[in-house]
Amino acid sequence: MKHLLHDRRLDIVCEATGLHRNTLSGIRNGQIKNPSHDTIRKLSEYFANAS
Protein backbone atom coordinates (compact mmCIF):
# COMPACT_ATOMS: atom_id res chain seq x y z
CA MET A 1 0.00 0.00 0.00
CA LYS A 2 2.87 2.33 0.78
CA HIS A 3 4.07 2.43 -2.82
CA LEU A 4 0.53 3.03 -4.10
CA LEU A 5 0.09 6.07 -1.85
CA HIS A 6 3.40 7.78 -2.61
CA ASP A 7 2.06 9.90 -5.50
CA ARG A 8 -1.51 10.43 -4.27
CA ARG A 9 -3.07 13.51 -2.70
CA LEU A 10 -4.07 12.29 0.73
CA ASP A 11 -7.03 14.65 1.04
CA ILE A 12 -8.63 13.04 -2.03
CA VAL A 13 -7.93 9.51 -0.78
CA CYS A 14 -9.32 10.44 2.66
CA GLU A 15 -12.54 11.73 1.17
CA ALA A 16 -12.98 8.70 -1.06
CA THR A 17 -12.21 6.07 1.60
CA GLY A 18 -13.36 7.68 4.83
CA LEU A 19 -9.95 7.02 6.36
CA HIS A 20 -8.23 9.64 8.51
CA ARG A 21 -5.36 11.59 6.97
CA ASN A 22 -3.04 10.54 9.82
CA THR A 23 -3.70 6.88 8.99
CA LEU A 24 -2.85 7.37 5.33
CA SER A 25 0.18 9.50 6.15
CA GLY A 26 1.43 6.87 8.60
CA ILE A 27 1.12 4.14 6.00
CA ARG A 28 2.84 6.23 3.34
CA ASN A 29 5.68 7.25 5.67
CA GLY A 30 6.20 3.73 7.02
CA GLN A 31 5.09 4.54 10.57
CA ILE A 32 2.10 2.19 10.30
CA LYS A 33 3.48 -1.16 9.20
CA ASN A 34 0.45 -3.31 10.01
CA PRO A 35 -2.78 -1.50 9.05
CA SER A 36 -6.11 -3.00 10.06
CA HIS A 37 -8.06 -5.32 7.79
CA ASP A 38 -10.72 -2.61 7.35
CA THR A 39 -8.10 -0.06 6.27
CA ILE A 40 -6.61 -2.47 3.74
CA ARG A 41 -10.08 -3.28 2.39
CA LYS A 42 -10.98 0.40 1.94
CA LEU A 43 -7.69 1.19 0.21
CA SER A 44 -7.96 -1.90 -2.00
CA GLU A 45 -11.43 -0.83 -3.13
CA TYR A 46 -10.20 2.72 -3.74
CA PHE A 47 -7.26 1.61 -5.90
CA ALA A 48 -9.38 -0.95 -7.78
CA ASN A 49 -11.87 1.79 -8.71
CA ALA A 50 -9.17 4.39 -9.45
CA SER A 51 -7.65 2.46 -12.32
C-alpha atoms as a PDB file:
ATOM      1  CA  MET A   1       0.000   0.000   0.000  1.00  0.00           C
ATOM      2  CA  LYS A   2       2.875   2.333   0.784  1.00  0.00           C
ATOM      3  CA  HIS A   3       4.072   2.428  -2.825  1.00  0.00           C
ATOM      4  CA  LEU A   4       0.527   3.031  -4.096  1.00  0.00           C
ATOM      5  CA  LEU A   5       0.087   6.075  -1.851  1.00  0.00           C
ATOM      6  CA  HIS A   6       3.401   7.777  -2.614  1.00  0.00           C
ATOM      7  CA  ASP A   7       2.061   9.904  -5.502  1.00  0.00           C
ATOM      8  CA  ARG A   8      -1.508  10.433  -4.269  1.00  0.00           C
ATOM      9  CA  ARG A   9      -3.073  13.510  -2.696  1.00  0.00           C
ATOM     10  CA  LEU A  10      -4.067  12.286   0.727  1.00  0.00           C
ATOM     11  CA  ASP A  11      -7.035  14.649   1.041  1.00  0.00           C
ATOM     12  CA  ILE A  12      -8.627  13.042  -2.030  1.00  0.00           C
ATOM     13  CA  VAL A  13      -7.929   9.506  -0.783  1.00  0.00           C
ATOM     14  CA  CYS A  14      -9.323  10.440   2.663  1.00  0.00           C
ATOM     15  CA  GLU A  15     -12.537  11.732   1.174  1.00  0.00           C
ATOM     16  CA  ALA A  16     -12.984   8.700  -1.063  1.00  0.00           C
ATOM     17  CA  THR A  17     -12.207   6.073   1.596  1.00  0.00           C
ATOM     18  CA  GLY A  18     -13.359   7.680   4.829  1.00  0.00           C
ATOM     19  CA  LEU A  19      -9.951   7.025   6.361  1.00  0.00           C
ATOM     20  CA  HIS A  20      -8.227   9.641   8.511  1.00  0.00           C
ATOM     21  CA  ARG A  21      -5.360  11.592   6.972  1.00  0.00           C
ATOM     22  CA  ASN A  22      -3.041  10.538   9.822  1.00  0.00           C
ATOM     23  CA  THR A  23      -3.698   6.878   8.992  1.00  0.00           C
ATOM     24  CA  LEU A  24      -2.845   7.372   5.326  1.00  0.00           C
ATOM     25  CA  SER A  25       0.184   9.496   6.146  1.00  0.00           C
ATOM     26  CA  GLY A  26       1.428   6.868   8.601  1.00  0.00           C
ATOM     27  CA  ILE A  27       1.115   4.135   5.996  1.00  0.00           C
ATOM     28  CA  ARG A  28       2.837   6.233   3.339  1.00  0.00           C
ATOM     29  CA  ASN A  29       5.683   7.251   5.667  1.00  0.00           C
ATOM     30  CA  GLY A  30       6.203   3.734   7.016  1.00  0.00           C
ATOM     31  CA  GLN A  31       5.087   4.536  10.573  1.00  0.00           C
ATOM     32  CA  ILE A  32       2.099   2.186  10.298  1.00  0.00           C
ATOM     33  CA  LYS A  33       3.477  -1.162   9.196  1.00  0.00           C
ATOM     34  CA  ASN A  34       0.450  -3.310  10.009  1.00  0.00           C
ATOM     35  CA  PRO A  35      -2.780  -1.500   9.047  1.00  0.00           C
ATOM     36  CA  SER A  36      -6.109  -2.997  10.056  1.00  0.00           C
ATOM     37  CA  HIS A  37      -8.060  -5.317   7.792  1.00  0.00           C
ATOM     38  CA  ASP A  38     -10.718  -2.615   7.347  1.00  0.00           C
ATOM     39  CA  THR A  39      -8.097  -0.059   6.270  1.00  0.00           C
ATOM     40  CA  ILE A  40      -6.610  -2.465   3.736  1.00  0.00           C
ATOM     41  CA  ARG A  41     -10.080  -3.282   2.388  1.00  0.00           C
ATOM     42  CA  LYS A  42     -10.980   0.399   1.939  1.00  0.00           C
ATOM     43  CA  LEU A  43      -7.695   1.185   0.214  1.00  0.00           C
ATOM     44  CA  SER A  44      -7.964  -1.897  -2.002  1.00  0.00           C
ATOM     45  CA  GLU A  45     -11.430  -0.831  -3.125  1.00  0.00           C
ATOM     46  CA  TYR A  46     -10.195   2.719  -3.740  1.00  0.00           C
ATOM     47  CA  PHE A  47      -7.263   1.607  -5.903  1.00  0.00           C
ATOM     48  CA  ALA A  48      -9.378  -0.951  -7.781  1.00  0.00           C
ATOM     49  CA  ASN A  49     -11.865   1.790  -8.714  1.00  0.00           C
ATOM     50  CA  ALA A  50      -9.174   4.392  -9.450  1.00  0.00           C
ATOM     51  CA  SER A  51      -7.649   2.459 -12.318  1.00  0.00           C
END
